[in-house]
All heavy atoms as atom14 arrays in JSON, in Angstrom:
{
  "sequence": "ELNNQAIEAALDAARAKADAVARKTGVTLGSVLAVEEGLGYDGF",
  "atom14_mask": [
    [1, 1, 1, 1, 1, 1, 1, 1, 1, 0, 0, 0, 0, 0],
    [1, 1, 1, 1, 1, 1, 1, 1, 0, 0, 0, 0, 0, 0],
    [1, 1, 1, 1, 1, 1, 1, 1, 0, 0, 0, 0, 0, 0],
    [1, 1, 1, 1, 1, 1, 1, 1, 0, 0, 0, 0, 0, 0],
    [1, 1, 1, 1, 1, 1, 1, 1, 1, 0, 0, 0, 0, 0],
    [1, 1, 1, 1, 1, 0, 0, 0, 0, 0, 0, 0, 0, 0],
    [1, 1, 1, 1, 1, 1, 1, 1, 0, 0, 0, 0, 0, 0],
    [1, 1, 1, 1, 1, 1, 1, 1, 1, 0, 0, 0, 0, 0],
    [1, 1, 1, 1, 1, 0, 0, 0, 0, 0, 0, 0, 0, 0],
    [1, 1, 1, 1, 1, 0, 0, 0, 0, 0, 0, 0, 0, 0],
    [1, 1, 1, 1, 1, 1, 1, 1, 0, 0, 0, 0, 0, 0],
    [1, 1, 1, 1, 1, 1, 1, 1, 0, 0, 0, 0, 0, 0],
    [1, 1, 1, 1, 1, 0, 0, 0, 0, 0, 0, 0, 0, 0],
    [1, 1, 1, 1, 1, 0, 0, 0, 0, 0, 0, 0, 0, 0],
    [1, 1, 1, 1, 1, 1, 1, 1, 1, 1, 1, 0, 0, 0],
    [1, 1, 1, 1, 1, 0, 0, 0, 0, 0, 0, 0, 0, 0],
    [1, 1, 1, 1, 1, 1, 1, 1, 1, 0, 0, 0, 0, 0],
    [1, 1, 1, 1, 1, 0, 0, 0, 0, 0, 0, 0, 0, 0],
    [1, 1, 1, 1, 1, 1, 1, 1, 0, 0, 0, 0, 0, 0],
    [1, 1, 1, 1, 1, 0, 0, 0, 0, 0, 0, 0, 0, 0],
    [1, 1, 1, 1, 1, 1, 1, 0, 0, 0, 0, 0, 0, 0],
    [1, 1, 1, 1, 1, 0, 0, 0, 0, 0, 0, 0, 0, 0],
    [1, 1, 1, 1, 1, 1, 1, 1, 1, 1, 1, 0, 0, 0],
    [1, 1, 1, 1, 1, 1, 1, 1, 1, 0, 0, 0, 0, 0],
    [1, 1, 1, 1, 1, 1, 1, 0, 0, 0, 0, 0, 0, 0],
    [1, 1, 1, 1, 0, 0, 0, 0, 0, 0, 0, 0, 0, 0],
    [1, 1, 1, 1, 1, 1, 1, 0, 0, 0, 0, 0, 0, 0],
    [1, 1, 1, 1, 1, 1, 1, 0, 0, 0, 0, 0, 0, 0],
    [1, 1, 1, 1, 1, 1, 1, 1, 0, 0, 0, 0, 0, 0],
    [1, 1, 1, 1, 0, 0, 0, 0, 0, 0, 0, 0, 0, 0],
    [1, 1, 1, 1, 1, 1, 0, 0, 0, 0, 0, 0, 0, 0],
    [1, 1, 1, 1, 1, 1, 1, 0, 0, 0, 0, 0, 0, 0],
    [1, 1, 1, 1, 1, 1, 1, 1, 0, 0, 0, 0, 0, 0],
    [1, 1, 1, 1, 1, 0, 0, 0, 0, 0, 0, 0, 0, 0],
    [1, 1, 1, 1, 1, 1, 1, 0, 0, 0, 0, 0, 0, 0],
    [1, 1, 1, 1, 1, 1, 1, 1, 1, 0, 0, 0, 0, 0],
    [1, 1, 1, 1, 1, 1, 1, 1, 1, 0, 0, 0, 0, 0],
    [1, 1, 1, 1, 0, 0, 0, 0, 0, 0, 0, 0, 0, 0],
    [1, 1, 1, 1, 1, 1, 1, 1, 0, 0, 0, 0, 0, 0],
    [1, 1, 1, 1, 0, 0, 0, 0, 0, 0, 0, 0, 0, 0],
    [1, 1, 1, 1, 1, 1, 1, 1, 1, 1, 1, 1, 0, 0],
    [1, 1, 1, 1, 1, 1, 1, 1, 0, 0, 0, 0, 0, 0],
    [1, 1, 1, 1, 0, 0, 0, 0, 0, 0, 0, 0, 0, 0],
    [1, 1, 1, 1, 1, 1, 1, 1, 1, 1, 1, 0, 0, 0]
  ],
  "atom14_positions": [
    [[96.29, 120.72, 115.12], [97.03, 120.81, 113.83], [98.37, 120.13, 113.99], [98.82, 119.37, 113.08], [97.23, 122.33, 113.53], [98.0, 122.58, 112.19], [97.43, 121.96, 111.02], [96.2, 121.76, 111.01], [98.14, 121.57, 110.08], [0.0, 0.0, 0.0], [0.0, 0.0, 0.0], [0.0, 0.0, 0.0], [0.0, 0.0, 0.0], [0.0, 0.0, 0.0]],
    [[99.11, 120.39, 115.05], [100.4, 119.74, 115.23], [100.26, 118.22, 115.34], [101.09, 117.45, 114.84], [101.08, 120.27, 116.43], [101.63, 121.75, 116.27], [102.05, 122.3, 117.64], [102.79, 121.8, 115.3], [0.0, 0.0, 0.0], [0.0, 0.0, 0.0], [0.0, 0.0, 0.0], [0.0, 0.0, 0.0], [0.0, 0.0, 0.0], [0.0, 0.0, 0.0]],
    [[99.22, 117.8, 116.03], [99.03, 116.35, 116.14], [98.79, 115.7, 114.78], [99.27, 114.61, 114.46], [97.8, 116.13, 117.04], [97.57, 114.59, 117.3], [98.35, 113.96, 117.86], [96.46, 114.1, 116.84], [0.0, 0.0, 0.0], [0.0, 0.0, 0.0], [0.0, 0.0, 0.0], [0.0, 0.0, 0.0], [0.0, 0.0, 0.0], [0.0, 0.0, 0.0]],
    [[98.0, 116.37, 113.93], [97.68, 115.95, 112.62], [98.98, 115.77, 111.78], [99.22, 114.82, 111.04], [96.67, 116.79, 111.87], [95.26, 116.58, 112.48], [95.0, 115.68, 113.11], [94.44, 117.62, 112.3], [0.0, 0.0, 0.0], [0.0, 0.0, 0.0], [0.0, 0.0, 0.0], [0.0, 0.0, 0.0], [0.0, 0.0, 0.0], [0.0, 0.0, 0.0]],
    [[99.81, 116.82, 111.94], [101.09, 116.83, 111.17], [102.04, 115.71, 111.61], [102.72, 115.09, 110.76], [101.71, 118.19, 111.37], [101.02, 119.33, 110.63], [101.7, 120.67, 110.86], [102.9, 120.75, 111.21], [100.93, 121.75, 110.66], [0.0, 0.0, 0.0], [0.0, 0.0, 0.0], [0.0, 0.0, 0.0], [0.0, 0.0, 0.0], [0.0, 0.0, 0.0]],
    [[102.06, 115.49, 112.91], [102.92, 114.41, 113.38], [102.42, 113.03, 112.92], [103.22, 112.13, 112.59], [102.87, 114.39, 114.95], [0.0, 0.0, 0.0], [0.0, 0.0, 0.0], [0.0, 0.0, 0.0], [0.0, 0.0, 0.0], [0.0, 0.0, 0.0], [0.0, 0.0, 0.0], [0.0, 0.0, 0.0], [0.0, 0.0, 0.0], [0.0, 0.0, 0.0]],
    [[101.04, 112.87, 112.89], [100.56, 111.57, 112.37], [100.89, 111.43, 110.9], [101.23, 110.33, 110.44], [98.96, 111.54, 112.57], [98.71, 111.34, 114.06], [98.38, 110.36, 111.81], [97.25, 111.51, 114.45], [0.0, 0.0, 0.0], [0.0, 0.0, 0.0], [0.0, 0.0, 0.0], [0.0, 0.0, 0.0], [0.0, 0.0, 0.0], [0.0, 0.0, 0.0]],
    [[100.75, 112.52, 110.15], [101.08, 112.45, 108.7], [102.59, 112.06, 108.49], [102.88, 111.37, 107.58], [100.85, 113.83, 108.05], [99.3, 114.11, 107.86], [99.06, 115.46, 107.35], [100.05, 116.22, 107.05], [97.89, 115.87, 107.25], [0.0, 0.0, 0.0], [0.0, 0.0, 0.0], [0.0, 0.0, 0.0], [0.0, 0.0, 0.0], [0.0, 0.0, 0.0]],
    [[103.43, 112.64, 109.31], [104.83, 112.3, 109.29], [105.04, 110.83, 109.56], [105.88, 110.11, 108.91], [105.7, 113.14, 110.16], [0.0, 0.0, 0.0], [0.0, 0.0, 0.0], [0.0, 0.0, 0.0], [0.0, 0.0, 0.0], [0.0, 0.0, 0.0], [0.0, 0.0, 0.0], [0.0, 0.0, 0.0], [0.0, 0.0, 0.0], [0.0, 0.0, 0.0]],
    [[104.36, 110.3, 110.55], [104.52, 108.91, 110.96], [103.93, 108.0, 109.79], [104.58, 106.97, 109.52], [103.75, 108.57, 112.25], [0.0, 0.0, 0.0], [0.0, 0.0, 0.0], [0.0, 0.0, 0.0], [0.0, 0.0, 0.0], [0.0, 0.0, 0.0], [0.0, 0.0, 0.0], [0.0, 0.0, 0.0], [0.0, 0.0, 0.0], [0.0, 0.0, 0.0]],
    [[102.91, 108.36, 109.14], [102.39, 107.61, 108.03], [103.37, 107.56, 106.87], [103.56, 106.54, 106.24], [101.0, 108.2, 107.63], [99.84, 107.96, 108.54], [98.68, 108.73, 108.07], [99.54, 106.5, 108.67], [0.0, 0.0, 0.0], [0.0, 0.0, 0.0], [0.0, 0.0, 0.0], [0.0, 0.0, 0.0], [0.0, 0.0, 0.0], [0.0, 0.0, 0.0]],
    [[103.99, 108.74, 106.52], [105.03, 108.76, 105.58], [106.17, 107.81, 105.91], [106.7, 107.08, 105.04], [105.51, 110.12, 105.36], [104.53, 111.11, 104.73], [103.57, 110.55, 104.08], [104.63, 112.31, 104.88], [0.0, 0.0, 0.0], [0.0, 0.0, 0.0], [0.0, 0.0, 0.0], [0.0, 0.0, 0.0], [0.0, 0.0, 0.0], [0.0, 0.0, 0.0]],
    [[106.6, 107.78, 107.17], [107.68, 106.89, 107.61], [107.28, 105.47, 107.47], [108.05, 104.6, 107.17], [108.01, 107.27, 109.07], [0.0, 0.0, 0.0], [0.0, 0.0, 0.0], [0.0, 0.0, 0.0], [0.0, 0.0, 0.0], [0.0, 0.0, 0.0], [0.0, 0.0, 0.0], [0.0, 0.0, 0.0], [0.0, 0.0, 0.0], [0.0, 0.0, 0.0]],
    [[105.99, 105.16, 107.82], [105.5, 103.85, 107.73], [105.53, 103.32, 106.28], [105.97, 102.18, 106.01], [104.08, 103.72, 108.3], [0.0, 0.0, 0.0], [0.0, 0.0, 0.0], [0.0, 0.0, 0.0], [0.0, 0.0, 0.0], [0.0, 0.0, 0.0], [0.0, 0.0, 0.0], [0.0, 0.0, 0.0], [0.0, 0.0, 0.0], [0.0, 0.0, 0.0]],
    [[105.1, 104.17, 105.37], [105.12, 103.74, 103.9], [106.58, 103.49, 103.42], [106.91, 102.49, 102.72], [104.44, 104.72, 103.06], [104.49, 104.41, 101.58], [103.47, 105.28, 100.72], [102.15, 104.92, 101.01], [101.52, 103.84, 100.42], [102.16, 103.03, 99.67], [100.3, 103.59, 100.73], [0.0, 0.0, 0.0], [0.0, 0.0, 0.0], [0.0, 0.0, 0.0]],
    [[107.46, 104.38, 103.88], [108.88, 104.13, 103.4], [109.48, 102.85, 103.99], [110.19, 102.09, 103.32], [109.74, 105.34, 103.92], [0.0, 0.0, 0.0], [0.0, 0.0, 0.0], [0.0, 0.0, 0.0], [0.0, 0.0, 0.0], [0.0, 0.0, 0.0], [0.0, 0.0, 0.0], [0.0, 0.0, 0.0], [0.0, 0.0, 0.0], [0.0, 0.0, 0.0]],
    [[109.11, 102.54, 105.25], [109.58, 101.3, 105.91], [108.97, 100.05, 105.12], [109.64, 99.13, 104.88], [109.22, 101.29, 107.29], [109.81, 100.09, 108.13], [109.41, 100.12, 109.58], [110.16, 101.27, 110.33], [109.87, 101.17, 111.81], [0.0, 0.0, 0.0], [0.0, 0.0, 0.0], [0.0, 0.0, 0.0], [0.0, 0.0, 0.0], [0.0, 0.0, 0.0]],
    [[107.68, 100.2, 104.86], [107.02, 99.08, 104.25], [107.56, 98.91, 102.77], [107.69, 97.72, 102.32], [105.53, 99.32, 104.15], [0.0, 0.0, 0.0], [0.0, 0.0, 0.0], [0.0, 0.0, 0.0], [0.0, 0.0, 0.0], [0.0, 0.0, 0.0], [0.0, 0.0, 0.0], [0.0, 0.0, 0.0], [0.0, 0.0, 0.0], [0.0, 0.0, 0.0]],
    [[107.85, 99.96, 102.09], [108.48, 99.85, 100.79], [109.76, 99.04, 100.83], [110.07, 98.27, 99.95], [108.75, 101.24, 100.18], [107.45, 101.82, 99.56], [106.63, 101.11, 99.11], [107.41, 103.07, 99.45], [0.0, 0.0, 0.0], [0.0, 0.0, 0.0], [0.0, 0.0, 0.0], [0.0, 0.0, 0.0], [0.0, 0.0, 0.0], [0.0, 0.0, 0.0]],
    [[110.65, 99.36, 101.86], [111.89, 98.73, 102.01], [111.69, 97.24, 102.3], [112.37, 96.34, 101.78], [112.71, 99.38, 103.15], [0.0, 0.0, 0.0], [0.0, 0.0, 0.0], [0.0, 0.0, 0.0], [0.0, 0.0, 0.0], [0.0, 0.0, 0.0], [0.0, 0.0, 0.0], [0.0, 0.0, 0.0], [0.0, 0.0, 0.0], [0.0, 0.0, 0.0]],
    [[110.73, 96.9, 103.16], [110.45, 95.49, 103.4], [109.91, 94.74, 102.13], [110.36, 93.62, 101.89], [109.37, 95.35, 104.52], [108.98, 93.9, 104.72], [109.98, 95.95, 105.8], [0.0, 0.0, 0.0], [0.0, 0.0, 0.0], [0.0, 0.0, 0.0], [0.0, 0.0, 0.0], [0.0, 0.0, 0.0], [0.0, 0.0, 0.0], [0.0, 0.0, 0.0]],
    [[109.07, 95.45, 101.38], [108.6, 94.83, 100.21], [109.67, 94.46, 99.2], [109.7, 93.45, 98.54], [107.47, 95.72, 99.59], [0.0, 0.0, 0.0], [0.0, 0.0, 0.0], [0.0, 0.0, 0.0], [0.0, 0.0, 0.0], [0.0, 0.0, 0.0], [0.0, 0.0, 0.0], [0.0, 0.0, 0.0], [0.0, 0.0, 0.0], [0.0, 0.0, 0.0]],
    [[110.53, 95.49, 98.93], [111.65, 95.2, 98.04], [112.51, 94.1, 98.47], [112.95, 93.27, 97.66], [112.45, 96.52, 97.85], [111.78, 97.58, 97.13], [112.74, 98.7, 96.72], [113.41, 99.3, 97.88], [112.97, 100.29, 98.54], [111.8, 100.89, 98.21], [113.62, 100.8, 99.59], [0.0, 0.0, 0.0], [0.0, 0.0, 0.0], [0.0, 0.0, 0.0]],
    [[112.8, 94.05, 99.76], [113.71, 93.02, 100.31], [113.09, 91.62, 100.26], [113.88, 90.64, 100.0], [114.02, 93.29, 101.74], [115.12, 92.51, 102.44], [116.5, 92.8, 101.77], [117.57, 92.11, 102.52], [118.91, 92.42, 101.96], [0.0, 0.0, 0.0], [0.0, 0.0, 0.0], [0.0, 0.0, 0.0], [0.0, 0.0, 0.0], [0.0, 0.0, 0.0]],
    [[111.8, 91.51, 100.35], [111.13, 90.22, 100.27], [110.58, 89.86, 98.98], [109.92, 88.83, 98.79], [109.97, 90.21, 101.37], [109.12, 91.29, 101.14], [110.59, 90.33, 102.76], [0.0, 0.0, 0.0], [0.0, 0.0, 0.0], [0.0, 0.0, 0.0], [0.0, 0.0, 0.0], [0.0, 0.0, 0.0], [0.0, 0.0, 0.0], [0.0, 0.0, 0.0]],
    [[110.77, 90.69, 97.95], [110.31, 90.4, 96.6], [108.86, 90.46, 96.37], [108.4, 89.72, 95.47], [0.0, 0.0, 0.0], [0.0, 0.0, 0.0], [0.0, 0.0, 0.0], [0.0, 0.0, 0.0], [0.0, 0.0, 0.0], [0.0, 0.0, 0.0], [0.0, 0.0, 0.0], [0.0, 0.0, 0.0], [0.0, 0.0, 0.0], [0.0, 0.0, 0.0]],
    [[108.19, 91.4, 97.07], [106.74, 91.53, 96.81], [106.48, 92.94, 96.42], [107.32, 93.85, 96.55], [105.85, 91.2, 98.08], [106.05, 89.65, 98.42], [106.28, 92.04, 99.29], [0.0, 0.0, 0.0], [0.0, 0.0, 0.0], [0.0, 0.0, 0.0], [0.0, 0.0, 0.0], [0.0, 0.0, 0.0], [0.0, 0.0, 0.0], [0.0, 0.0, 0.0]],
    [[105.24, 93.24, 95.95], [104.84, 94.59, 95.58], [103.88, 95.14, 96.64], [102.91, 94.51, 96.99], [104.12, 94.57, 94.15], [105.08, 94.07, 93.21], [103.71, 95.99, 93.85], [0.0, 0.0, 0.0], [0.0, 0.0, 0.0], [0.0, 0.0, 0.0], [0.0, 0.0, 0.0], [0.0, 0.0, 0.0], [0.0, 0.0, 0.0], [0.0, 0.0, 0.0]],
    [[104.11, 96.35, 97.06], [103.3, 96.96, 98.14], [102.0, 97.42, 97.49], [102.02, 98.11, 96.53], [104.06, 98.15, 98.75], [103.51, 98.66, 100.04], [103.71, 97.66, 101.18], [104.25, 99.98, 100.46], [0.0, 0.0, 0.0], [0.0, 0.0, 0.0], [0.0, 0.0, 0.0], [0.0, 0.0, 0.0], [0.0, 0.0, 0.0], [0.0, 0.0, 0.0]],
    [[100.92, 97.17, 98.21], [99.59, 97.53, 97.77], [99.06, 98.6, 98.58], [99.75, 99.44, 99.18], [0.0, 0.0, 0.0], [0.0, 0.0, 0.0], [0.0, 0.0, 0.0], [0.0, 0.0, 0.0], [0.0, 0.0, 0.0], [0.0, 0.0, 0.0], [0.0, 0.0, 0.0], [0.0, 0.0, 0.0], [0.0, 0.0, 0.0], [0.0, 0.0, 0.0]],
    [[97.69, 98.65, 98.71], [97.04, 99.77, 99.43], [97.04, 99.55, 100.94], [97.33, 98.49, 101.41], [95.57, 99.8, 98.94], [94.92, 98.57, 99.2], [0.0, 0.0, 0.0], [0.0, 0.0, 0.0], [0.0, 0.0, 0.0], [0.0, 0.0, 0.0], [0.0, 0.0, 0.0], [0.0, 0.0, 0.0], [0.0, 0.0, 0.0], [0.0, 0.0, 0.0]],
    [[96.7, 100.61, 101.64], [96.59, 100.54, 103.12], [95.26, 99.85, 103.53], [94.18, 100.23, 102.98], [96.64, 101.98, 103.67], [96.39, 101.9, 105.21], [98.01, 102.6, 103.5], [0.0, 0.0, 0.0], [0.0, 0.0, 0.0], [0.0, 0.0, 0.0], [0.0, 0.0, 0.0], [0.0, 0.0, 0.0], [0.0, 0.0, 0.0], [0.0, 0.0, 0.0]],
    [[95.38, 98.85, 104.35], [94.18, 98.17, 104.77], [93.67, 98.63, 106.11], [92.51, 98.6, 106.41], [94.47, 96.65, 104.86], [94.86, 95.97, 103.55], [95.18, 94.51, 103.78], [93.78, 96.13, 102.56], [0.0, 0.0, 0.0], [0.0, 0.0, 0.0], [0.0, 0.0, 0.0], [0.0, 0.0, 0.0], [0.0, 0.0, 0.0], [0.0, 0.0, 0.0]],
    [[94.64, 99.07, 107.02], [94.23, 99.48, 108.34], [95.27, 100.32, 108.98], [96.47, 100.19, 108.66], [93.89, 98.32, 109.25], [0.0, 0.0, 0.0], [0.0, 0.0, 0.0], [0.0, 0.0, 0.0], [0.0, 0.0, 0.0], [0.0, 0.0, 0.0], [0.0, 0.0, 0.0], [0.0, 0.0, 0.0], [0.0, 0.0, 0.0], [0.0, 0.0, 0.0]],
    [[94.9, 101.28, 109.81], [95.84, 102.15, 110.51], [95.42, 102.17, 111.98], [94.2, 102.3, 112.33], [95.83, 103.56, 109.97], [96.76, 104.47, 110.78], [96.28, 103.59, 108.55], [0.0, 0.0, 0.0], [0.0, 0.0, 0.0], [0.0, 0.0, 0.0], [0.0, 0.0, 0.0], [0.0, 0.0, 0.0], [0.0, 0.0, 0.0], [0.0, 0.0, 0.0]],
    [[96.37, 102.1, 112.85], [96.18, 102.3, 114.33], [97.11, 103.25, 114.86], [98.28, 103.21, 114.51], [96.36, 100.95, 115.07], [96.1, 101.04, 116.61], [94.61, 101.01, 116.94], [93.74, 100.76, 116.01], [94.25, 101.17, 118.07], [0.0, 0.0, 0.0], [0.0, 0.0, 0.0], [0.0, 0.0, 0.0], [0.0, 0.0, 0.0], [0.0, 0.0, 0.0]],
    [[96.7, 104.28, 115.54], [97.58, 105.28, 116.21], [97.5, 105.19, 117.75], [96.71, 104.51, 118.3], [97.18, 106.65, 115.74], [95.8, 107.13, 116.13], [95.44, 108.58, 115.65], [95.98, 109.47, 116.33], [94.73, 108.77, 114.65], [0.0, 0.0, 0.0], [0.0, 0.0, 0.0], [0.0, 0.0, 0.0], [0.0, 0.0, 0.0], [0.0, 0.0, 0.0]],
    [[98.4, 105.95, 118.41], [98.44, 105.95, 119.86], [99.05, 104.78, 120.4], [98.66, 104.38, 121.57], [0.0, 0.0, 0.0], [0.0, 0.0, 0.0], [0.0, 0.0, 0.0], [0.0, 0.0, 0.0], [0.0, 0.0, 0.0], [0.0, 0.0, 0.0], [0.0, 0.0, 0.0], [0.0, 0.0, 0.0], [0.0, 0.0, 0.0], [0.0, 0.0, 0.0]],
    [[100.01, 104.12, 119.76], [100.56, 102.88, 120.27], [101.86, 103.13, 121.07], [102.32, 102.26, 121.71], [100.94, 101.97, 119.1], [99.72, 101.52, 118.29], [100.18, 100.66, 117.12], [98.74, 100.78, 119.1], [0.0, 0.0, 0.0], [0.0, 0.0, 0.0], [0.0, 0.0, 0.0], [0.0, 0.0, 0.0], [0.0, 0.0, 0.0], [0.0, 0.0, 0.0]],
    [[102.4, 104.34, 120.95], [103.66, 104.69, 121.66], [103.48, 105.92, 122.4], [102.46, 106.22, 122.98], [0.0, 0.0, 0.0], [0.0, 0.0, 0.0], [0.0, 0.0, 0.0], [0.0, 0.0, 0.0], [0.0, 0.0, 0.0], [0.0, 0.0, 0.0], [0.0, 0.0, 0.0], [0.0, 0.0, 0.0], [0.0, 0.0, 0.0], [0.0, 0.0, 0.0]],
    [[104.48, 106.8, 122.28], [104.44, 108.17, 122.86], [103.75, 109.05, 121.86], [104.2, 109.29, 120.75], [105.8, 108.76, 123.22], [105.67, 110.13, 123.82], [105.55, 110.25, 125.17], [105.69, 111.26, 123.04], [105.49, 111.54, 125.81], [105.55, 112.49, 123.54], [105.45, 112.6, 124.92], [105.32, 113.91, 125.5], [0.0, 0.0, 0.0], [0.0, 0.0, 0.0]],
    [[102.57, 109.6, 122.21], [101.92, 110.49, 121.34], [101.58, 111.79, 122.08], [101.08, 111.76, 123.19], [100.57, 109.88, 120.93], [100.77, 108.72, 119.92], [101.01, 107.6, 120.35], [100.78, 109.0, 118.7], [0.0, 0.0, 0.0], [0.0, 0.0, 0.0], [0.0, 0.0, 0.0], [0.0, 0.0, 0.0], [0.0, 0.0, 0.0], [0.0, 0.0, 0.0]],
    [[101.9, 112.91, 121.44], [101.55, 114.21, 122.05], [102.8, 115.14, 122.14], [103.86, 114.84, 121.45], [0.0, 0.0, 0.0], [0.0, 0.0, 0.0], [0.0, 0.0, 0.0], [0.0, 0.0, 0.0], [0.0, 0.0, 0.0], [0.0, 0.0, 0.0], [0.0, 0.0, 0.0], [0.0, 0.0, 0.0], [0.0, 0.0, 0.0], [0.0, 0.0, 0.0]],
    [[102.64, 116.12, 122.89], [103.66, 117.18, 122.92], [104.67, 116.94, 124.03], [104.34, 116.65, 125.19], [103.08, 118.56, 123.15], [103.92, 119.69, 123.29], [104.87, 119.94, 122.27], [103.91, 120.52, 124.41], [105.75, 120.95, 122.39], [104.82, 121.54, 124.5], [105.72, 121.77, 123.49], [0.0, 0.0, 0.0], [0.0, 0.0, 0.0], [0.0, 0.0, 0.0]]
  ]
}
């Protein structure tokens, strides 16, 4: 359960970051095409 919650928090942070990049570069953010997890420190 905690792992799922941490992933959800990371996904929310990713969307916020992507929104900022889209605004800065003058494009509109669309749908998610792919997700990869476990790229850094993952776990307790």
